[in-house]
Amino acid sequence: MKYIKLFENFDYTQIPSDIKKTLDEYTDFFIDKFDWNSKMDEYGNSFNKWYDNYRDEQLLKNKNKLLLALSSDLVLLKKRKLADKKLEAFEELIIPVLGDKVLLPALSKFEEDILLDPNLTISELEKEMEKAKGIFGEEGNIDQRKIQQSEIFKGDNISLPAFERFVSKNPEYKGVFDTWKKLFDTSIELTLKDLNAFRSSTSFDSILNLYKYIKELN
């Protein structure tokens, strides 16, 4: 079948590289699925030219669908940021009053490495955490990782179980706990909600720049 160029004023390959990188995170929202083998058989040596044109066509055809996906992600990221700020501000108020009894314990670098190891089973994790209780390594030397403080688990975050235990002994703080729990649950819920982008790490600014670019296409 002869290939015919449909769009002379738009070329996907000319999209700025930073914009295109983000756009590649949203292919499901602007490229309809097709059978690659049948299309390659149909167009033969002209397949690449056909696909370039098809991609142009799909982006313009599904522009509004893509914009909806992008705007949804922008709203979600804004909500996440606002929820995290509200939680952080409230915790800054109550931690000085409640004290260390509601906080996660500070961990060592050794314990940090254990908790961040995705390959450990529960039983292996428990055994390794037992090893973390002493400062010596297997050869009898002081293991520096056991005395160096973790940069991630610093002991400055509120622990839900610790806060619950604190409130069970100090019921006058039940209202404070309920307010914190509501803010905490909202933050967690928004954090766990997936973006439309393939990667959850796709930034607000990159999505916004893509949104502005797509909105101007015609």
Protein backbone atom coordinates (compact mmCIF):
# COMPACT_ATOMS: atom_id res chain seq x y z
CA MET A 1 0.00 0.00 0.00
CA LYS A 2 1.29 3.46 -0.86
CA TYR A 3 2.20 5.69 2.05
CA ILE A 4 0.59 9.16 2.02
CA LYS A 5 1.75 11.95 4.33
CA LEU A 6 -1.32 13.50 6.00
CA PHE A 7 0.15 16.20 8.22
CA GLU A 8 2.57 18.69 6.71
CA ASN A 9 2.58 21.17 9.61
CA PHE A 10 3.24 18.74 12.44
CA ASP A 11 6.09 16.30 12.93
CA TYR A 12 6.38 14.15 16.07
CA THR A 13 10.11 13.78 15.60
CA GLN A 14 10.56 17.55 15.95
CA ILE A 15 9.11 17.69 19.47
CA PRO A 16 11.73 19.03 21.93
CA SER A 17 13.57 16.13 23.60
CA ASP A 18 12.51 17.01 27.16
CA ILE A 19 8.84 17.22 26.08
CA LYS A 20 9.08 14.00 24.10
CA LYS A 21 10.62 12.17 27.07
CA THR A 22 7.56 13.00 29.17
CA LEU A 23 5.18 12.31 26.28
CA ASP A 24 6.62 8.80 26.03
CA GLU A 25 5.21 8.21 29.53
CA TYR A 26 1.67 8.63 28.12
CA THR A 27 1.67 6.56 24.92
CA ASP A 28 -1.45 4.63 25.97
CA PHE A 29 -3.42 7.89 25.88
CA PHE A 30 -2.62 8.93 22.33
CA ILE A 31 -1.56 5.85 20.34
CA ASP A 32 -4.30 3.32 19.62
CA LYS A 33 -3.13 -0.29 19.66
CA PHE A 34 -2.56 -2.06 16.34
CA ASP A 35 -1.03 -5.32 15.15
CA TRP A 36 2.59 -4.56 14.38
CA ASN A 37 3.13 -7.68 12.25
CA SER A 38 0.13 -7.08 10.02
CA LYS A 39 1.02 -3.41 9.53
CA MET A 40 4.62 -4.29 8.67
CA ASP A 41 3.36 -6.78 6.12
CA GLU A 42 0.94 -4.20 4.73
CA TYR A 43 3.43 -1.34 4.32
CA GLY A 44 6.70 -3.24 3.87
CA ASN A 45 9.62 -0.86 3.40
CA SER A 46 7.30 2.11 3.96
CA PHE A 47 6.34 0.96 7.46
CA ASN A 48 8.56 3.47 9.29
CA LYS A 49 7.14 6.34 7.25
CA TRP A 50 3.63 5.06 7.86
CA TYR A 51 4.27 4.80 11.59
CA ASP A 52 5.67 8.34 11.78
CA ASN A 53 2.52 9.62 10.12
CA TYR A 54 0.30 7.40 12.26
CA ARG A 55 1.92 8.73 15.43
CA ASP A 56 1.34 12.32 14.26
CA GLU A 57 -2.28 11.51 13.46
CA GLN A 58 -2.88 9.76 16.77
CA LEU A 59 -1.42 12.59 18.82
CA LEU A 60 -3.68 15.13 17.16
CA LYS A 61 -6.69 12.81 17.18
CA ASN A 62 -6.34 11.94 20.88
CA LYS A 63 -5.17 15.37 22.03
CA ASN A 64 -8.14 15.92 24.37
CA LYS A 65 -7.84 12.44 25.86
CA LEU A 66 -4.17 13.08 26.57
CA LEU A 67 -4.89 16.50 28.07
CA LEU A 68 -7.40 14.93 30.46
CA ALA A 69 -4.80 12.39 31.60
CA LEU A 70 -2.21 15.13 32.08
CA SER A 71 -4.56 17.44 33.97
CA SER A 72 -5.62 14.54 36.21
CA ASP A 73 -1.97 13.90 37.11
CA LEU A 74 -1.33 17.59 37.76
CA VAL A 75 -4.29 17.74 40.13
CA LEU A 76 -3.16 14.57 41.92
CA LEU A 77 0.38 15.88 42.40
CA LYS A 78 -0.98 19.19 43.73
CA LYS A 79 -3.20 17.32 46.18
CA ARG A 80 -0.26 15.19 47.31
CA LYS A 81 1.90 18.24 47.96
CA LEU A 82 -0.87 20.02 49.87
CA ALA A 83 -1.67 16.93 51.97
CA ASP A 84 2.00 16.42 52.83
CA LYS A 85 2.36 20.07 53.84
CA LYS A 86 -0.70 19.90 56.09
CA LEU A 87 0.57 16.72 57.76
CA GLU A 88 4.07 18.12 58.19
CA ALA A 89 2.77 21.39 59.68
CA PHE A 90 0.54 19.55 62.16
CA GLU A 91 3.35 17.21 63.21
CA GLU A 92 5.65 20.18 63.79
CA LEU A 93 3.07 21.45 66.28
CA ILE A 94 2.44 18.23 68.19
CA ILE A 95 5.82 16.42 68.28
CA PRO A 96 7.39 18.91 70.74
CA VAL A 97 4.39 18.33 73.03
CA LEU A 98 4.12 14.55 72.68
CA GLY A 99 7.83 13.81 72.73
CA ASP A 100 9.84 10.78 71.59
CA LYS A 101 7.23 8.26 72.75
CA VAL A 102 5.26 8.68 69.53
CA LEU A 103 8.23 8.59 67.15
CA LEU A 104 9.83 5.83 65.12
CA PRO A 105 13.17 4.80 66.62
CA ALA A 106 16.30 6.14 64.95
CA LEU A 107 18.05 3.38 63.02
CA SER A 108 21.64 2.70 62.07
CA LYS A 109 23.02 2.44 58.54
CA PHE A 110 23.21 -1.32 59.12
CA GLU A 111 19.47 -1.48 59.91
CA GLU A 112 18.71 0.81 56.98
CA ASP A 113 20.48 -1.55 54.58
CA ILE A 114 18.47 -4.47 55.97
CA LEU A 115 15.10 -2.79 55.63
CA LEU A 116 15.83 -1.58 52.10
CA ASP A 117 16.98 -4.98 50.85
CA PRO A 118 14.10 -6.22 48.62
CA ASN A 119 15.47 -9.77 48.49
CA LEU A 120 15.28 -10.61 52.20
CA THR A 121 12.54 -12.91 53.45
CA ILE A 122 10.79 -12.19 56.75
CA SER A 123 12.88 -14.77 58.60
CA GLU A 124 16.11 -13.45 57.08
CA LEU A 125 15.12 -9.90 57.99
CA GLU A 126 14.51 -10.93 61.61
CA LYS A 127 17.91 -12.65 61.80
CA GLU A 128 19.69 -9.62 60.35
CA MET A 129 17.90 -7.26 62.75
CA GLU A 130 19.14 -9.42 65.63
CA LYS A 131 22.69 -8.91 64.35
CA ALA A 132 22.08 -5.15 64.40
CA LYS A 133 21.76 -5.14 68.20
CA GLY A 134 25.52 -5.38 68.71
CA ILE A 135 28.18 -3.04 67.33
CA PHE A 136 30.59 -5.79 66.28
CA GLY A 137 30.80 -7.50 62.90
CA GLU A 138 31.25 -11.20 62.22
CA GLU A 139 35.06 -10.91 62.45
CA GLY A 140 34.97 -9.21 65.85
CA ASN A 141 35.72 -5.72 64.59
CA ILE A 142 33.43 -2.76 65.17
CA ASP A 143 31.05 -2.50 62.23
CA GLN A 144 30.88 1.23 61.46
CA ARG A 145 27.48 0.82 59.82
CA LYS A 146 26.08 -0.24 63.20
CA ILE A 147 27.09 3.01 64.87
CA GLN A 148 26.41 5.40 62.00
CA GLN A 149 22.93 6.91 61.96
CA SER A 150 20.68 6.30 58.99
CA GLU A 151 20.00 9.31 56.80
CA ILE A 152 16.55 7.92 56.01
CA PHE A 153 15.29 6.52 59.34
CA LYS A 154 16.29 9.39 61.60
CA GLY A 155 13.69 8.82 64.31
CA ASP A 156 11.90 12.09 63.61
CA ASN A 157 8.71 10.63 62.11
CA ILE A 158 5.57 9.69 64.02
CA SER A 159 4.90 5.97 64.36
CA LEU A 160 1.23 4.97 64.14
CA PRO A 161 1.56 2.05 66.63
CA ALA A 162 3.59 4.20 69.03
CA PHE A 163 1.04 7.02 68.83
CA GLU A 164 -1.81 4.56 69.44
CA ARG A 165 -0.05 3.18 72.52
CA PHE A 166 0.57 6.71 73.77
CA VAL A 167 -3.10 7.65 73.38
CA SER A 168 -4.26 4.47 75.15
CA LYS A 169 -2.32 5.67 78.20
CA ASN A 170 -3.13 9.34 77.68
CA PRO A 171 -6.73 9.47 76.40
CA GLU A 172 -6.82 13.26 76.65
CA TYR A 173 -4.81 13.27 73.41
CA LYS A 174 -7.40 11.21 71.49
CA GLY A 175 -8.61 14.27 69.57
CA VAL A 176 -5.07 15.13 68.56
CA PHE A 177 -4.54 11.56 67.38
CA ASP A 178 -7.77 11.54 65.36
CA THR A 179 -6.81 14.77 63.58
CA TRP A 180 -3.31 13.44 62.84
CA LYS A 181 -4.67 10.07 61.64
CA LYS A 182 -7.02 11.79 59.20
CA LEU A 183 -4.17 13.86 57.75
CA PHE A 184 -1.90 10.80 57.70
CA ASP A 185 -4.47 8.61 55.91
CA THR A 186 -5.10 11.30 53.28
CA SER A 187 -1.37 11.64 52.60
CA ILE A 188 -0.92 7.87 52.29
CA GLU A 189 -3.98 7.47 50.08
CA LEU A 190 -2.77 10.13 47.63
CA THR A 191 0.77 8.76 47.66
CA LEU A 192 -0.45 5.27 46.75
CA LYS A 193 -2.71 6.50 43.96
CA ASP A 194 -1.05 5.87 40.58
CA LEU A 195 -0.35 8.56 38.04
CA ASN A 196 -1.50 8.07 34.46
CA ALA A 197 2.19 8.34 33.54
CA PHE A 198 4.14 5.08 33.40
CA ARG A 199 6.53 6.27 36.13
CA SER A 200 5.31 7.50 39.48
CA SER A 201 8.44 9.68 39.67
CA THR A 202 7.38 11.85 36.71
CA SER A 203 7.62 15.42 38.02
CA PHE A 204 4.92 18.07 38.20
CA ASP A 205 6.97 20.54 36.13
CA SER A 206 7.62 18.05 33.31
CA ILE A 207 3.93 17.13 33.14
CA LEU A 208 2.93 20.81 33.17
CA ASN A 209 5.36 21.62 30.33
CA LEU A 210 3.94 18.74 28.29
CA TYR A 211 0.38 19.88 29.02
CA LYS A 212 1.15 23.39 27.75
CA TYR A 213 2.83 22.01 24.63
CA ILE A 214 -0.04 19.64 23.74
CA LYS A 215 -2.66 22.30 24.40
CA GLU A 216 -1.12 24.50 21.70
CA LEU A 217 -1.14 21.77 19.03
CA ASN A 218 -3.59 22.18 16.19
